[in-house]
Amino acid sequence: MPITKVTRNYRITIPAEIRKALGIKEGELLEVKLEDGKIIIERLKKERKTLKLGKKLTPEEIEKAIVEGMKECI
């Protein structure tokens, strides 16, 4: 069973074999819960909107993305 360490900034690294087995990608959001004294880490069920980097966006496109994102938060 893989072991990970808590760093001085209270961060942990998910071991590579676990990430690969679950297909966890960089930037993915995970939810951390406490259940019966155990730490449970799960994928966040809600999808987040993203913008393609490197693509030239008009101010209108940026505003539209912000408005759509705010609607999801409400």
Protein backbone atom coordinates (compact mmCIF):
# COMPACT_ATOMS: atom_id res chain seq x y z
CA MET A 1 0.00 0.00 0.00
CA PRO A 2 1.46 3.39 -0.99
CA ILE A 3 2.42 5.87 1.72
CA THR A 4 2.41 9.66 1.43
CA LYS A 5 3.77 12.37 3.71
CA VAL A 6 2.19 15.59 4.99
CA THR A 7 4.53 18.49 4.14
CA ARG A 8 5.16 21.55 6.29
CA ASN A 9 2.42 23.34 4.31
CA TYR A 10 0.01 20.46 5.11
CA ARG A 11 0.01 19.19 1.54
CA ILE A 12 0.04 15.57 0.43
CA THR A 13 0.92 13.92 -2.87
CA ILE A 14 -1.37 11.25 -4.25
CA PRO A 15 0.96 8.39 -5.22
CA ALA A 16 1.40 7.88 -8.98
CA GLU A 17 -0.06 4.37 -9.01
CA ILE A 18 -3.27 5.65 -7.37
CA ARG A 19 -3.51 8.65 -9.76
CA LYS A 20 -2.99 6.40 -12.77
CA ALA A 21 -5.49 3.78 -11.58
CA LEU A 22 -8.17 6.45 -11.08
CA GLY A 23 -7.21 8.64 -14.05
CA ILE A 24 -6.73 11.73 -11.87
CA LYS A 25 -5.38 14.62 -13.95
CA GLU A 26 -3.54 17.82 -13.00
CA GLY A 27 -5.97 20.60 -12.10
CA GLU A 28 -8.83 18.22 -11.30
CA LEU A 29 -10.85 19.15 -8.22
CA LEU A 30 -11.13 16.66 -5.39
CA GLU A 31 -13.42 16.79 -2.37
CA VAL A 32 -11.96 15.94 1.06
CA LYS A 33 -14.29 14.57 3.75
CA LEU A 34 -13.98 13.11 7.21
CA GLU A 35 -15.97 9.91 7.84
CA ASP A 36 -15.63 7.86 11.03
CA GLY A 37 -12.13 9.22 11.66
CA LYS A 38 -10.98 8.47 8.10
CA ILE A 39 -9.98 10.99 5.43
CA ILE A 40 -11.96 10.36 2.24
CA ILE A 41 -10.87 12.00 -1.03
CA GLU A 42 -13.31 11.89 -3.95
CA ARG A 43 -13.65 13.57 -7.31
CA LEU A 44 -15.77 16.68 -7.13
CA LYS A 45 -19.08 15.71 -8.67
CA LYS A 46 -19.76 19.12 -10.19
CA GLU A 47 -18.01 20.00 -13.43
CA ARG A 48 -16.26 23.38 -13.60
CA LYS A 49 -16.27 25.60 -16.64
CA THR A 50 -12.87 26.20 -18.19
CA LEU A 51 -11.57 28.55 -20.83
CA LYS A 52 -9.08 27.42 -23.45
CA LEU A 53 -5.73 29.10 -22.84
CA GLY A 54 -3.97 30.57 -25.81
CA LYS A 55 -7.26 31.27 -27.56
CA LYS A 56 -7.97 34.92 -28.25
CA LEU A 57 -11.26 35.75 -26.53
CA THR A 58 -13.29 38.85 -27.03
CA PRO A 59 -14.44 40.82 -23.97
CA GLU A 60 -17.97 39.62 -24.76
CA GLU A 61 -16.91 35.96 -24.69
CA ILE A 62 -15.15 36.48 -21.36
CA GLU A 63 -18.21 38.24 -19.90
CA LYS A 64 -20.49 35.43 -21.12
CA ALA A 65 -18.26 32.79 -19.49
CA ILE A 66 -18.29 34.74 -16.20
CA VAL A 67 -22.09 35.09 -16.24
CA GLU A 68 -22.57 31.37 -16.99
CA GLY A 69 -20.17 30.45 -14.19
CA MET A 70 -21.99 32.70 -11.71
CA LYS A 71 -25.33 31.06 -12.61
CA GLU A 72 -23.87 27.67 -11.65
CA CYS A 73 -22.75 29.02 -8.28
CA ILE A 74 -26.25 30.17 -7.35
